[in-house]
Amino acid sequence: MSHTGMGSNLVLRIYMALFFAYMFLPLGVMLVAGFSDYSPPSITVWRGGTLRWFSELWADERMWSGLTNSLIIAVAVILLSLPMGLSGALLLSKLGGRAGGVLYAVMVSPLLTPGLIIGISTVIFWRHLGAAAGLVTAILAQSAFIASYAMLMFMARLQRLDNTLQEAALDLGATQAQAFRRITLPFLRPTVVTATVIAFLQSFENYNTTIFSIGGQHTLVTEIGARMRFGMSPMINAIGILFILVTLIGAVIWGVLRQRERKLEDLR
């Protein structure tokens, strides 16, 4: 191997090491601090290991109510944003020219709008209609931009749909609803699953839009943000550790299911 090749491999290895350190070193620090008996969280000052931060988290009713609100909002956002995103994608796939371009820009614009603007404008709009700020306004505010994510994902999938299948179904006497249910919807099923996961994560971790639209209510993320203003608590690290465990379990389950699905496809 030439000196140039050895040098490039060394640079690549150093870059990869720095990249993974940048990605995972903060998680490692959080894991260690979550089991440290010292408060505020620290890995340089160690007074022994403990699980008391997890027990304090278990007894914190406000954190649990925030988690409940986060789950309620996330499920409602999925139920709203996916149909809106699918409707927009179907409409834009049929339109073309200048009208389609203008409509596309309008429907994507929520992604470019700051979250605080979406949150405040949602509260102001619904206040004039007599609705107080709360979980409902937070759901509506989040759905306004998460639907755009779903729309883009559905549009990317629809570009690979063979339109001749729908035309053949219509020629054979099927209605538009039957063609959509038998052809389009099964074709979009993988994107529906992916969009559901993305919508859930986008809703669950959202702070900027939620904090300005939820009024006197709170979610898990907004509660953590409120407590961070008064200093870092090791209980926050305990929450992070639990999230990591849930994410790893979900990733393992997803990998097993995908592997089984591939095996079934190979057998067919």
C-alpha atoms as a PDB file:
ATOM      1  CA  MET A   1       0.000   0.000   0.000  1.00  0.00           C
ATOM      2  CA  SER A   2       1.314   3.433  -0.922  1.00  0.00           C
ATOM      3  CA  HIS A   3       2.052   6.172   1.601  1.00  0.00           C
ATOM      4  CA  THR A   4      -0.837   8.175   0.180  1.00  0.00           C
ATOM      5  CA  GLY A   5      -3.274   5.313   0.784  1.00  0.00           C
ATOM      6  CA  MET A   6      -1.991   4.760   4.323  1.00  0.00           C
ATOM      7  CA  GLY A   7      -2.289   8.466   5.060  1.00  0.00           C
ATOM      8  CA  SER A   8      -5.861   8.652   3.780  1.00  0.00           C
ATOM      9  CA  ASN A   9      -6.834   5.596   5.845  1.00  0.00           C
ATOM     10  CA  LEU A  10      -5.318   7.165   8.955  1.00  0.00           C
ATOM     11  CA  VAL A  11      -7.208  10.418   8.375  1.00  0.00           C
ATOM     12  CA  LEU A  12     -10.429   8.463   7.841  1.00  0.00           C
ATOM     13  CA  ARG A  13      -9.940   6.501  11.073  1.00  0.00           C
ATOM     14  CA  ILE A  14      -9.222   9.669  13.041  1.00  0.00           C
ATOM     15  CA  TYR A  15     -12.290  11.327  11.557  1.00  0.00           C
ATOM     16  CA  MET A  16     -14.501   8.326  12.396  1.00  0.00           C
ATOM     17  CA  ALA A  17     -13.138   8.215  15.951  1.00  0.00           C
ATOM     18  CA  LEU A  18     -13.862  11.930  16.448  1.00  0.00           C
ATOM     19  CA  PHE A  19     -17.292  11.525  14.880  1.00  0.00           C
ATOM     20  CA  PHE A  20     -18.338   8.669  17.174  1.00  0.00           C
ATOM     21  CA  ALA A  21     -16.843  10.442  20.186  1.00  0.00           C
ATOM     22  CA  TYR A  22     -18.868  13.537  19.335  1.00  0.00           C
ATOM     23  CA  MET A  23     -22.022  11.439  18.955  1.00  0.00           C
ATOM     24  CA  PHE A  24     -21.752   9.054  21.892  1.00  0.00           C
ATOM     25  CA  LEU A  25     -19.498  10.686  24.484  1.00  0.00           C
ATOM     26  CA  PRO A  26     -22.310  12.962  25.780  1.00  0.00           C
ATOM     27  CA  LEU A  27     -24.524   9.894  26.128  1.00  0.00           C
ATOM     28  CA  GLY A  28     -21.803   8.151  28.092  1.00  0.00           C
ATOM     29  CA  VAL A  29     -21.444  11.147  30.389  1.00  0.00           C
ATOM     30  CA  MET A  30     -25.207  11.175  30.921  1.00  0.00           C
ATOM     31  CA  LEU A  31     -25.247   7.456  31.729  1.00  0.00           C
ATOM     32  CA  VAL A  32     -22.515   7.813  34.347  1.00  0.00           C
ATOM     33  CA  ALA A  33     -24.054  10.949  35.876  1.00  0.00           C
ATOM     34  CA  GLY A  34     -27.454   9.274  36.070  1.00  0.00           C
ATOM     35  CA  PHE A  35     -26.076   6.709  38.509  1.00  0.00           C
ATOM     36  CA  SER A  36     -23.919   9.160  40.475  1.00  0.00           C
ATOM     37  CA  ASP A  37     -24.963  10.081  44.013  1.00  0.00           C
ATOM     38  CA  TYR A  38     -23.612  13.614  43.541  1.00  0.00           C
ATOM     39  CA  SER A  39     -25.901  16.512  42.630  1.00  0.00           C
ATOM     40  CA  PRO A  40     -25.726  18.486  40.354  1.00  0.00           C
ATOM     41  CA  PRO A  41     -24.775  15.811  37.799  1.00  0.00           C
ATOM     42  CA  SER A  42     -21.046  15.278  37.546  1.00  0.00           C
ATOM     43  CA  ILE A  43     -18.636  12.563  36.525  1.00  0.00           C
ATOM     44  CA  THR A  44     -15.575  14.312  37.935  1.00  0.00           C
ATOM     45  CA  VAL A  45     -16.980  14.239  41.475  1.00  0.00           C
ATOM     46  CA  TRP A  46     -17.997  10.714  42.473  1.00  0.00           C
ATOM     47  CA  ARG A  47     -19.550   9.888  45.829  1.00  0.00           C
ATOM     48  CA  GLY A  48     -20.774   6.444  44.936  1.00  0.00           C
ATOM     49  CA  GLY A  49     -23.448   4.909  42.777  1.00  0.00           C
ATOM     50  CA  THR A  50     -27.153   5.181  43.438  1.00  0.00           C
ATOM     51  CA  LEU A  51     -30.582   4.500  41.991  1.00  0.00           C
ATOM     52  CA  ARG A  52     -32.370   7.194  43.974  1.00  0.00           C
ATOM     53  CA  TRP A  53     -32.813   9.461  40.957  1.00  0.00           C
ATOM     54  CA  PHE A  54     -34.950   6.765  39.349  1.00  0.00           C
ATOM     55  CA  SER A  55     -37.028   6.410  42.505  1.00  0.00           C
ATOM     56  CA  GLU A  56     -37.494  10.195  42.630  1.00  0.00           C
ATOM     57  CA  LEU A  57     -38.549  10.160  39.004  1.00  0.00           C
ATOM     58  CA  TRP A  58     -41.057   7.395  39.756  1.00  0.00           C
ATOM     59  CA  ALA A  59     -42.589   9.505  42.542  1.00  0.00           C
ATOM     60  CA  ASP A  60     -42.709  12.739  40.505  1.00  0.00           C
ATOM     61  CA  GLU A  61     -46.371  13.126  39.542  1.00  0.00           C
ATOM     62  CA  ARG A  62     -45.786  16.206  37.404  1.00  0.00           C
ATOM     63  CA  MET A  63     -43.314  14.346  35.208  1.00  0.00           C
ATOM     64  CA  TRP A  64     -45.781  11.498  34.745  1.00  0.00           C
ATOM     65  CA  SER A  65     -48.621  13.866  33.911  1.00  0.00           C
ATOM     66  CA  GLY A  66     -46.328  15.552  31.387  1.00  0.00           C
ATOM     67  CA  LEU A  67     -45.531  12.166  29.841  1.00  0.00           C
ATOM     68  CA  THR A  68     -49.241  11.390  29.621  1.00  0.00           C
ATOM     69  CA  ASN A  69     -49.922  14.712  27.912  1.00  0.00           C
ATOM     70  CA  SER A  70     -47.042  14.115  25.503  1.00  0.00           C
ATOM     71  CA  LEU A  71     -48.460  10.730  24.501  1.00  0.00           C
ATOM     72  CA  ILE A  72     -51.984  12.117  24.093  1.00  0.00           C
ATOM     73  CA  ILE A  73     -50.718  14.948  21.895  1.00  0.00           C
ATOM     74  CA  ALA A  74     -48.500  12.638  19.828  1.00  0.00           C
ATOM     75  CA  VAL A  75     -51.305  10.174  19.084  1.00  0.00           C
ATOM     76  CA  ALA A  76     -53.710  12.993  18.168  1.00  0.00           C
ATOM     77  CA  VAL A  77     -51.081  14.613  15.940  1.00  0.00           C
ATOM     78  CA  ILE A  78     -50.589  11.314  14.097  1.00  0.00           C
ATOM     79  CA  LEU A  79     -54.333  10.983  13.532  1.00  0.00           C
ATOM     80  CA  LEU A  80     -54.498  14.527  12.133  1.00  0.00           C
ATOM     81  CA  SER A  81     -51.218  15.034  10.301  1.00  0.00           C
ATOM     82  CA  LEU A  82     -51.100  11.775   8.334  1.00  0.00           C
ATOM     83  CA  PRO A  83     -54.503  12.195   6.622  1.00  0.00           C
ATOM     84  CA  MET A  84     -53.720  15.864   5.922  1.00  0.00           C
ATOM     85  CA  GLY A  85     -50.308  15.001   4.540  1.00  0.00           C
ATOM     86  CA  LEU A  86     -51.705  12.184   2.403  1.00  0.00           C
ATOM     87  CA  SER A  87     -54.470  14.441   1.052  1.00  0.00           C
ATOM     88  CA  GLY A  88     -51.942  17.116   0.135  1.00  0.00           C
ATOM     89  CA  ALA A  89     -49.647  14.594  -1.534  1.00  0.00           C
ATOM     90  CA  LEU A  90     -52.495  13.108  -3.582  1.00  0.00           C
ATOM     91  CA  LEU A  91     -53.630  16.562  -4.645  1.00  0.00           C
ATOM     92  CA  LEU A  92     -50.155  17.725  -5.647  1.00  0.00           C
ATOM     93  CA  SER A  93     -49.512  14.491  -7.550  1.00  0.00           C
ATOM     94  CA  LYS A  94     -52.522  15.293  -9.755  1.00  0.00           C
ATOM     95  CA  LEU A  95     -51.741  18.978 -10.237  1.00  0.00           C
ATOM     96  CA  GLY A  96     -49.025  20.395 -12.403  1.00  0.00           C
ATOM     97  CA  GLY A  97     -47.705  23.659 -13.720  1.00  0.00           C
ATOM     98  CA  ARG A  98     -47.847  26.956 -11.881  1.00  0.00           C
ATOM     99  CA  ALA A  99     -50.873  26.058  -9.747  1.00  0.00           C
ATOM    100  CA  GLY A 100     -49.125  22.968  -8.402  1.00  0.00           C
ATOM    101  CA  GLY A 101     -45.960  24.937  -7.659  1.00  0.00           C
ATOM    102  CA  VAL A 102     -47.821  27.642  -5.759  1.00  0.00           C
ATOM    103  CA  LEU A 103     -49.815  25.102  -3.771  1.00  0.00           C
ATOM    104  CA  TYR A 104     -46.654  23.137  -2.992  1.00  0.00           C
ATOM    105  CA  ALA A 105     -44.955  26.271  -1.647  1.00  0.00           C
ATOM    106  CA  VAL A 106     -47.973  27.063   0.526  1.00  0.00           C
ATOM    107  CA  MET A 107     -48.189  23.547   1.969  1.00  0.00           C
ATOM    108  CA  VAL A 108     -44.459  23.332   2.685  1.00  0.00           C
ATOM    109  CA  SER A 109     -44.261  26.811   4.235  1.00  0.00           C
ATOM    110  CA  PRO A 110     -45.020  25.582   7.809  1.00  0.00           C
ATOM    111  CA  LEU A 111     -41.678  23.778   7.775  1.00  0.00           C
ATOM    112  CA  LEU A 112     -39.922  27.110   7.206  1.00  0.00           C
ATOM    113  CA  THR A 113     -41.909  28.981   9.857  1.00  0.00           C
ATOM    114  CA  PRO A 114     -40.360  29.276  13.344  1.00  0.00           C
ATOM    115  CA  GLY A 115     -42.102  27.155  15.932  1.00  0.00           C
ATOM    116  CA  LEU A 116     -42.884  30.064  18.216  1.00  0.00           C
ATOM    117  CA  ILE A 117     -44.739  31.808  15.359  1.00  0.00           C
ATOM    118  CA  ILE A 118     -46.846  28.710  14.713  1.00  0.00           C
ATOM    119  CA  GLY A 119     -47.587  28.306  18.403  1.00  0.00           C
ATOM    120  CA  ILE A 120     -48.517  31.918  19.067  1.00  0.00           C
ATOM    121  CA  SER A 121     -50.586  32.300  15.890  1.00  0.00           C
ATOM    122  CA  THR A 122     -52.493  29.098  16.707  1.00  0.00           C
ATOM    123  CA  VAL A 123     -53.386  30.352  20.182  1.00  0.00           C
ATOM    124  CA  ILE A 124     -54.443  33.775  18.859  1.00  0.00           C
ATOM    125  CA  PHE A 125     -56.575  32.269  16.084  1.00  0.00           C
ATOM    126  CA  TRP A 126     -58.421  29.791  18.297  1.00  0.00           C
ATOM    127  CA  ARG A 127     -58.819  32.299  21.114  1.00  0.00           C
ATOM    128  CA  HIS A 128     -60.946  34.422  18.784  1.00  0.00           C
ATOM    129  CA  LEU A 129     -63.115  31.338  18.253  1.00  0.00           C
ATOM    130  CA  GLY A 130     -63.526  30.859  21.989  1.00  0.00           C
ATOM    131  CA  ALA A 131     -61.015  28.046  22.545  1.00  0.00           C
ATOM    132  CA  ALA A 132     -58.535  28.427  25.409  1.00  0.00           C
ATOM    133  CA  ALA A 133     -54.901  27.418  25.049  1.00  0.00           C
ATOM    134  CA  GLY A 134     -54.272  23.843  26.115  1.00  0.00           C
ATOM    135  CA  LEU A 135     -53.743  20.375  24.744  1.00  0.00           C
ATOM    136  CA  VAL A 136     -56.070  20.972  21.792  1.00  0.00           C
ATOM    137  CA  THR A 137     -54.214  24.064  20.580  1.00  0.00           C
ATOM    138  CA  ALA A 138     -50.893  22.252  21.037  1.00  0.00           C
ATOM    139  CA  ILE A 139     -52.197  19.400  18.870  1.00  0.00           C
ATOM    140  CA  LEU A 140     -53.376  21.792  16.175  1.00  0.00           C
ATOM    141  CA  ALA A 141     -50.138  23.781  16.227  1.00  0.00           C
ATOM    142  CA  GLN A 142     -47.951  20.689  15.924  1.00  0.00           C
ATOM    143  CA  SER A 143     -50.115  19.169  13.207  1.00  0.00           C
ATOM    144  CA  ALA A 144     -49.704  22.327  11.127  1.00  0.00           C
ATOM    145  CA  PHE A 145     -46.062  21.560  10.365  1.00  0.00           C
ATOM    146  CA  ILE A 146     -45.841  17.799  10.988  1.00  0.00           C
ATOM    147  CA  ALA A 147     -48.425  17.302   8.232  1.00  0.00           C
ATOM    148  CA  SER A 148     -45.911  18.870   5.839  1.00  0.00           C
ATOM    149  CA  TYR A 149     -43.326  16.226   6.756  1.00  0.00           C
ATOM    150  CA  ALA A 150     -45.881  13.496   6.086  1.00  0.00           C
ATOM    151  CA  MET A 151     -46.855  15.123   2.798  1.00  0.00           C
ATOM    152  CA  LEU A 152     -43.266  15.159   1.531  1.00  0.00           C
ATOM    153  CA  MET A 153     -42.813  11.508   2.454  1.00  0.00           C
ATOM    154  CA  PHE A 154     -46.038  10.480   0.704  1.00  0.00           C
ATOM    155  CA  MET A 155     -45.120  12.529  -2.368  1.00  0.00           C
ATOM    156  CA  ALA A 156     -41.762  10.765  -2.635  1.00  0.00           C
ATOM    157  CA  ARG A 157     -43.506   7.400  -2.467  1.00  0.00           C
ATOM    158  CA  LEU A 158     -46.246   8.332  -4.938  1.00  0.00           C
ATOM    159  CA  GLN A 159     -43.654   9.240  -7.566  1.00  0.00           C
ATOM    160  CA  ARG A 160     -42.853   5.524  -7.837  1.00  0.00           C
ATOM    161  CA  LEU A 161     -46.473   4.426  -8.170  1.00  0.00           C
ATOM    162  CA  ASP A 162     -47.392   2.949 -11.541  1.00  0.00           C
ATOM    163  CA  ASN A 163     -50.472   4.933 -12.590  1.00  0.00           C
ATOM    164  CA  THR A 164     -51.382   2.355 -15.190  1.00  0.00           C
ATOM    165  CA  LEU A 165     -52.505   0.029 -12.375  1.00  0.00           C
ATOM    166  CA  GLN A 166     -55.108   2.542 -11.243  1.00  0.00           C
ATOM    167  CA  GLU A 167     -56.197   3.231 -14.808  1.00  0.00           C
ATOM    168  CA  ALA A 168     -56.622  -0.494 -15.427  1.00  0.00           C
ATOM    169  CA  ALA A 169     -58.693  -0.852 -12.260  1.00  0.00           C
ATOM    170  CA  LEU A 170     -60.939   2.025 -13.309  1.00  0.00           C
ATOM    171  CA  ASP A 171     -61.350   0.578 -16.789  1.00  0.00           C
ATOM    172  CA  LEU A 172     -62.453  -2.706 -15.218  1.00  0.00           C
ATOM    173  CA  GLY A 173     -65.238  -0.962 -13.309  1.00  0.00           C
ATOM    174  CA  ALA A 174     -63.643  -0.100  -9.994  1.00  0.00           C
ATOM    175  CA  THR A 175     -64.538   3.187  -8.339  1.00  0.00           C
ATOM    176  CA  GLN A 176     -61.961   5.768  -7.292  1.00  0.00           C
ATOM    177  CA  ALA A 177     -62.389   4.693  -3.660  1.00  0.00           C
ATOM    178  CA  GLN A 178     -61.902   1.021  -4.523  1.00  0.00           C
ATOM    179  CA  ALA A 179     -58.795   1.766  -6.595  1.00  0.00           C
ATOM    180  CA  PHE A 180     -57.361   3.821  -3.754  1.00  0.00           C
ATOM    181  CA  ARG A 181     -58.110   1.133  -1.164  1.00  0.00           C
ATOM    182  CA  ARG A 182     -56.863  -1.810  -3.237  1.00  0.00           C
ATOM    183  CA  ILE A 183     -53.880  -0.260  -5.064  1.00  0.00           C
ATOM    184  CA  THR A 184     -52.696   3.085  -3.685  1.00  0.00           C
ATOM    185  CA  LEU A 185     -53.079   2.419   0.028  1.00  0.00           C
ATOM    186  CA  PRO A 186     -51.225  -0.938   0.050  1.00  0.00           C
ATOM    187  CA  PHE A 187     -48.449   0.683  -1.974  1.00  0.00           C
ATOM    188  CA  LEU A 188     -48.213   3.492   0.610  1.00  0.00           C
ATOM    189  CA  ARG A 189     -48.251   1.158   3.643  1.00  0.00           C
ATOM    190  CA  PRO A 190     -44.457   1.309   4.300  1.00  0.00           C
ATOM    191  CA  THR A 191     -44.561   5.100   4.127  1.00  0.00           C
ATOM    192  CA  VAL A 192     -47.554   5.179   6.469  1.00  0.00           C
ATOM    193  CA  VAL A 193     -45.549   3.264   9.068  1.00  0.00           C
ATOM    194  CA  THR A 194     -42.497   5.488   8.611  1.00  0.00           C
ATOM    195  CA  ALA A 195     -44.554   8.690   8.675  1.00  0.00           C
ATOM    196  CA  THR A 196     -46.265   7.519  11.861  1.00  0.00           C
ATOM    197  CA  VAL A 197     -42.930   7.041  13.602  1.00  0.00           C
ATOM    198  CA  ILE A 198     -41.589  10.383  12.354  1.00  0.00           C
ATOM    199  CA  ALA A 199     -44.765  12.205  13.380  1.00  0.00           C
ATOM    200  CA  PHE A 200     -44.654  10.643  16.849  1.00  0.00           C
ATOM    201  CA  LEU A 201     -41.016  11.608  17.395  1.00  0.00           C
ATOM    202  CA  GLN A 202     -41.508  15.110  16.003  1.00  0.00           C
ATOM    203  CA  SER A 203     -44.472  15.656  18.318  1.00  0.00           C
ATOM    204  CA  PHE A 204     -43.004  14.040  21.414  1.00  0.00           C
ATOM    205  CA  GLU A 205     -39.736  15.993  21.342  1.00  0.00           C
ATOM    206  CA  ASN A 206     -41.181  19.305  20.165  1.00  0.00           C
ATOM    207  CA  TYR A 207     -40.545  22.248  22.477  1.00  0.00           C
ATOM    208  CA  ASN A 208     -40.697  25.558  20.589  1.00  0.00           C
ATOM    209  CA  THR A 209     -44.194  25.181  19.169  1.00  0.00           C
ATOM    210  CA  THR A 210     -45.592  23.424  22.226  1.00  0.00           C
ATOM    211  CA  ILE A 211     -44.387  25.890  24.838  1.00  0.00           C
ATOM    212  CA  PHE A 212     -46.167  28.760  23.065  1.00  0.00           C
ATOM    213  CA  SER A 213     -49.408  26.895  22.340  1.00  0.00           C
ATOM    214  CA  ILE A 214     -50.140  24.715  25.356  1.00  0.00           C
ATOM    215  CA  GLY A 215     -51.084  27.481  27.777  1.00  0.00           C
ATOM    216  CA  GLY A 216     -51.165  26.350  31.406  1.00  0.00           C
ATOM    217  CA  GLN A 217     -50.741  22.666  30.517  1.00  0.00           C
ATOM    218  CA  HIS A 218     -47.370  20.984  30.129  1.00  0.00           C
ATOM    219  CA  THR A 219     -45.693  18.087  28.381  1.00  0.00           C
ATOM    220  CA  LEU A 220     -42.673  16.101  29.436  1.00  0.00           C
ATOM    221  CA  VAL A 221     -40.354  18.171  27.255  1.00  0.00           C
ATOM    222  CA  THR A 222     -41.700  21.543  28.402  1.00  0.00           C
ATOM    223  CA  GLU A 223     -41.502  20.426  32.040  1.00  0.00           C
ATOM    224  CA  ILE A 224     -37.871  19.393  31.594  1.00  0.00           C
ATOM    225  CA  GLY A 225     -37.139  22.730  29.930  1.00  0.00           C
ATOM    226  CA  ALA A 226     -38.790  24.604  32.798  1.00  0.00           C
ATOM    227  CA  ARG A 227     -36.745  22.752  35.407  1.00  0.00           C
ATOM    228  CA  MET A 228     -33.505  23.243  33.487  1.00  0.00           C
ATOM    229  CA  ARG A 229     -33.786  26.984  34.141  1.00  0.00           C
ATOM    230  CA  PHE A 230     -33.262  26.321  37.855  1.00  0.00           C
ATOM    231  CA  GLY A 231     -30.289  24.012  37.459  1.00  0.00           C
ATOM    232  CA  MET A 232     -29.588  20.545  36.135  1.00  0.00           C
ATOM    233  CA  SER A 233     -31.014  17.681  38.155  1.00  0.00           C
ATOM    234  CA  PRO A 234     -29.701  14.094  37.975  1.00  0.00           C
ATOM    235  CA  MET A 235     -33.335  13.052  37.564  1.00  0.00           C
ATOM    236  CA  ILE A 236     -33.153  14.489  34.025  1.00  0.00           C
ATOM    237  CA  ASN A 237     -30.292  12.082  33.326  1.00  0.00           C
ATOM    238  CA  ALA A 238     -32.461   9.241  34.639  1.00  0.00           C
ATOM    239  CA  ILE A 239     -35.131  10.194  32.094  1.00  0.00           C
ATOM    240  CA  GLY A 240     -32.502  10.180  29.346  1.00  0.00           C
ATOM    241  CA  ILE A 241     -31.319   6.720  30.370  1.00  0.00           C
ATOM    242  CA  LEU A 242     -34.863   5.368  30.228  1.00  0.00           C
ATOM    243  CA  PHE A 243     -35.339   6.904  26.778  1.00  0.00           C
ATOM    244  CA  ILE A 244     -32.147   5.257  25.569  1.00  0.00           C
ATOM    245  CA  LEU A 245     -33.348   1.879  26.834  1.00  0.00           C
ATOM    246  CA  VAL A 246     -36.739   2.299  25.171  1.00  0.00           C
ATOM    247  CA  THR A 247     -35.047   3.338  21.908  1.00  0.00           C
ATOM    248  CA  LEU A 248     -32.713   0.332  21.956  1.00  0.00           C
ATOM    249  CA  ILE A 249     -35.576  -2.064  22.692  1.00  0.00           C
ATOM    250  CA  GLY A 250     -37.637  -0.526  19.895  1.00  0.00           C
ATOM    251  CA  ALA A 251     -34.697  -0.767  17.475  1.00  0.00           C
ATOM    252  CA  VAL A 252     -34.132  -4.429  18.335  1.00  0.00           C
ATOM    253  CA  ILE A 253     -37.831  -5.263  17.902  1.00  0.00           C
ATOM    254  CA  TRP A 254     -37.928  -3.375  14.592  1.00  0.00           C
ATOM    255  CA  GLY A 255     -34.837  -5.218  13.362  1.00  0.00           C
ATOM    256  CA  VAL A 256     -36.283  -8.611  14.299  1.00  0.00           C
ATOM    257  CA  LEU A 257     -39.586  -7.844  12.585  1.00  0.00           C
ATOM    258  CA  ARG A 258     -37.820  -6.625   9.443  1.00  0.00           C
ATOM    259  CA  GLN A 259     -35.676  -9.748   9.356  1.00  0.00           C
ATOM    260  CA  ARG A 260     -38.751 -11.972   9.653  1.00  0.00           C
ATOM    261  CA  GLU A 261     -40.483 -10.016   6.907  1.00  0.00           C
ATOM    262  CA  ARG A 262     -37.508 -10.458   4.591  1.00  0.00           C
ATOM    263  CA  LYS A 263     -37.428 -14.183   5.273  1.00  0.00           C
ATOM    264  CA  LEU A 264     -41.129 -14.455   4.429  1.00  0.00           C
ATOM    265  CA  GLU A 265     -40.541 -12.538   1.206  1.00  0.00           C
ATOM    266  CA  ASP A 266     -37.678 -14.879   0.286  1.00  0.00           C
ATOM    267  CA  LEU A 267     -39.891 -17.918   0.892  1.00  0.00           C
ATOM    268  CA  ARG A 268     -42.550 -16.496  -1.405  1.00  0.00           C
END
